[in-house]
Structures are given as C-alpha cells and as structure tokens.
C-alpha cells in the first residue's frame, strides 16, 4: 500500500515537472511523460494509473493528442528500475 501511494505520488511529480516545460516547447512538439512502476502494467489500468490519467484529462491533456506517455514496468524486479529509468530519460 505504501509503495503504491509512493508510486502514485512520484507519477504526479513527474507530470507536474513535465508540464511547465511543455508550454515552452514548440507547438509541433508533444510533451512526453515517463511512467515507471515496479508492478506489472495491466488493462484496465490500476486505480493509481486511472487517477493519473484522469488528472491529465482534467488539465486538458489527451494522450496521443497533446501529450504522450511512455510506460515501463519492472514486473516486480527492482533491479530493473535503474535501467528502465535511464531508458525513459533518453
């Protein structure tokens, strides 16, 4: 539970830090958000990911239209997290 809350908070921080820079970008460039989780990604989205996507929509962001999200999951393998984070930062 604590890890899920931390993951959701980190996701929100990632969004908030990405969005102000989006305003300064060229209009033809879509902001990109990296979403990294330890747990496997599932469809339908987890409650945390659904809240994250709802928050984006409330701010006027539509995935695939004016924002893109790159998902990475470590599938419970903590050792993969640094590699996946580095992958998202490029």
C-alpha atoms as a PDB file:
ATOM      1  CA  UNK A   1       0.000   0.000   0.000  1.00  0.00           C
ATOM      2  CA  UNK A   2       2.755   2.443   0.915  1.00  0.00           C
ATOM      3  CA  UNK A   3       4.626   1.591  -2.284  1.00  0.00           C
ATOM      4  CA  UNK A   4       1.511   2.160  -4.403  1.00  0.00           C
ATOM      5  CA  UNK A   5       0.952   5.538  -2.764  1.00  0.00           C
ATOM      6  CA  UNK A   6       4.589   6.446  -3.322  1.00  0.00           C
ATOM      7  CA  UNK A   7       4.345   5.331  -6.954  1.00  0.00           C
ATOM      8  CA  UNK A   8       1.244   7.464  -7.482  1.00  0.00           C
ATOM      9  CA  UNK A   9       2.933  10.471  -5.875  1.00  0.00           C
ATOM     10  CA  UNK A  10       6.070  10.029  -7.961  1.00  0.00           C
ATOM     11  CA  UNK A  11       3.912   9.794 -11.059  1.00  0.00           C
ATOM     12  CA  UNK A  12       2.180  13.035 -10.151  1.00  0.00           C
ATOM     13  CA  UNK A  13       5.537  14.724  -9.537  1.00  0.00           C
ATOM     14  CA  UNK A  14       6.720  13.530 -12.947  1.00  0.00           C
ATOM     15  CA  UNK A  15       3.635  15.021 -14.576  1.00  0.00           C
ATOM     16  CA  UNK A  16       3.876  18.312 -12.756  1.00  0.00           C
ATOM     17  CA  UNK A  17       7.549  18.676 -13.572  1.00  0.00           C
ATOM     18  CA  UNK A  18       6.956  17.814 -17.217  1.00  0.00           C
ATOM     19  CA  UNK A  19       4.002  20.104 -17.836  1.00  0.00           C
ATOM     20  CA  UNK A  20       5.539  23.561 -17.219  1.00  0.00           C
ATOM     21  CA  UNK A  21       8.269  22.775 -19.737  1.00  0.00           C
ATOM     22  CA  UNK A  22       5.623  21.742 -22.216  1.00  0.00           C
ATOM     23  CA  UNK A  23       4.426  25.343 -22.509  1.00  0.00           C
ATOM     24  CA  UNK A  24       7.886  26.457 -23.636  1.00  0.00           C
ATOM     25  CA  UNK A  25       8.167  23.766 -26.283  1.00  0.00           C
ATOM     26  CA  UNK A  26       7.475  24.317 -29.940  1.00  0.00           C
ATOM     27  CA  UNK A  27       3.812  23.813 -30.833  1.00  0.00           C
ATOM     28  CA  UNK A  28       4.658  20.823 -33.038  1.00  0.00           C
ATOM     29  CA  UNK A  29       6.341  19.006 -30.138  1.00  0.00           C
ATOM     30  CA  UNK A  30       4.158  16.910 -27.854  1.00  0.00           C
ATOM     31  CA  UNK A  31       5.244  16.655 -24.200  1.00  0.00           C
ATOM     32  CA  UNK A  32       6.412  13.179 -23.210  1.00  0.00           C
ATOM     33  CA  UNK A  33       5.844  11.705 -19.755  1.00  0.00           C
ATOM     34  CA  UNK A  34       7.739   8.680 -18.499  1.00  0.00           C
ATOM     35  CA  UNK A  35       5.656   6.400 -16.276  1.00  0.00           C
ATOM     36  CA  UNK A  36       7.739   3.846 -14.390  1.00  0.00           C
ATOM     37  CA  UNK A  37       6.277   1.299 -11.989  1.00  0.00           C
ATOM     38  CA  UNK A  38       7.529  -1.731 -10.147  1.00  0.00           C
ATOM     39  CA  UNK A  39       4.303  -3.684 -10.621  1.00  0.00           C
ATOM     40  CA  UNK A  40       3.213  -5.090 -13.977  1.00  0.00           C
ATOM     41  CA  UNK A  41       1.039  -2.819 -16.108  1.00  0.00           C
ATOM     42  CA  UNK A  42      -2.488  -4.096 -16.509  1.00  0.00           C
ATOM     43  CA  UNK A  43      -5.575  -3.346 -18.550  1.00  0.00           C
ATOM     44  CA  UNK A  44      -7.811  -1.965 -17.316  1.00  0.00           C
ATOM     45  CA  UNK A  45      -5.408   0.421 -15.555  1.00  0.00           C
ATOM     46  CA  UNK A  46      -4.796   0.173 -11.821  1.00  0.00           C
ATOM     47  CA  UNK A  47      -6.615   2.676  -9.616  1.00  0.00           C
ATOM     48  CA  UNK A  48      -3.429   4.758  -9.375  1.00  0.00           C
ATOM     49  CA  UNK A  49      -2.844   4.840 -13.128  1.00  0.00           C
ATOM     50  CA  UNK A  50      -6.523   5.600 -13.771  1.00  0.00           C
ATOM     51  CA  UNK A  51      -6.319   8.547 -11.336  1.00  0.00           C
ATOM     52  CA  UNK A  52      -3.142   9.724 -13.071  1.00  0.00           C
ATOM     53  CA  UNK A  53      -4.857   9.621 -16.483  1.00  0.00           C
ATOM     54  CA  UNK A  54      -7.973  11.327 -15.078  1.00  0.00           C
ATOM     55  CA  UNK A  55      -5.778  14.089 -13.659  1.00  0.00           C
ATOM     56  CA  UNK A  56      -4.168  14.629 -17.045  1.00  0.00           C
ATOM     57  CA  UNK A  57      -7.595  14.857 -18.692  1.00  0.00           C
ATOM     58  CA  UNK A  58      -8.738  17.377 -16.071  1.00  0.00           C
ATOM     59  CA  UNK A  59      -5.734  19.512 -17.012  1.00  0.00           C
ATOM     60  CA  UNK A  60      -6.703  19.332 -20.681  1.00  0.00           C
ATOM     61  CA  UNK A  61      -4.193  16.721 -21.775  1.00  0.00           C
ATOM     62  CA  UNK A  62      -5.321  13.963 -24.129  1.00  0.00           C
ATOM     63  CA  UNK A  63      -2.947  11.033 -24.552  1.00  0.00           C
ATOM     64  CA  UNK A  64      -1.988  10.684 -28.196  1.00  0.00           C
ATOM     65  CA  UNK A  65      -3.150  14.203 -28.996  1.00  0.00           C
ATOM     66  CA  UNK A  66      -1.279  16.767 -26.897  1.00  0.00           C
ATOM     67  CA  UNK A  67       0.750  14.525 -24.584  1.00  0.00           C
ATOM     68  CA  UNK A  68       2.400  11.122 -24.869  1.00  0.00           C
ATOM     69  CA  UNK A  69       3.136   8.630 -22.125  1.00  0.00           C
ATOM     70  CA  UNK A  70       5.886   6.050 -22.281  1.00  0.00           C
ATOM     71  CA  UNK A  71       5.215   3.213 -19.879  1.00  0.00           C
ATOM     72  CA  UNK A  72       7.840   0.980 -18.338  1.00  0.00           C
ATOM     73  CA  UNK A  73       7.284  -1.807 -15.810  1.00  0.00           C
ATOM     74  CA  UNK A  74       9.902  -3.679 -13.834  1.00  0.00           C
ATOM     75  CA  UNK A  75       7.394  -6.529 -13.296  1.00  0.00           C
ATOM     76  CA  UNK A  76       8.384  -6.797  -9.607  1.00  0.00           C
ATOM     77  CA  UNK A  77      12.130  -6.920 -10.435  1.00  0.00           C
ATOM     78  CA  UNK A  78      13.584  -3.959  -8.502  1.00  0.00           C
ATOM     79  CA  UNK A  79      16.958  -4.437 -10.179  1.00  0.00           C
ATOM     80  CA  UNK A  80      15.440  -3.328 -13.496  1.00  0.00           C
ATOM     81  CA  UNK A  81      14.296   0.060 -12.201  1.00  0.00           C
ATOM     82  CA  UNK A  82      17.567   1.987 -12.831  1.00  0.00           C
ATOM     83  CA  UNK A  83      17.853   0.621 -16.367  1.00  0.00           C
ATOM     84  CA  UNK A  84      14.217   1.443 -17.157  1.00  0.00           C
ATOM     85  CA  UNK A  85      14.567   4.931 -15.673  1.00  0.00           C
ATOM     86  CA  UNK A  86      17.643   5.550 -17.814  1.00  0.00           C
ATOM     87  CA  UNK A  87      15.721   4.327 -20.856  1.00  0.00           C
ATOM     88  CA  UNK A  88      12.967   6.849 -20.165  1.00  0.00           C
ATOM     89  CA  UNK A  89      15.393   9.722 -19.684  1.00  0.00           C
ATOM     90  CA  UNK A  90      16.743   9.499 -23.234  1.00  0.00           C
END
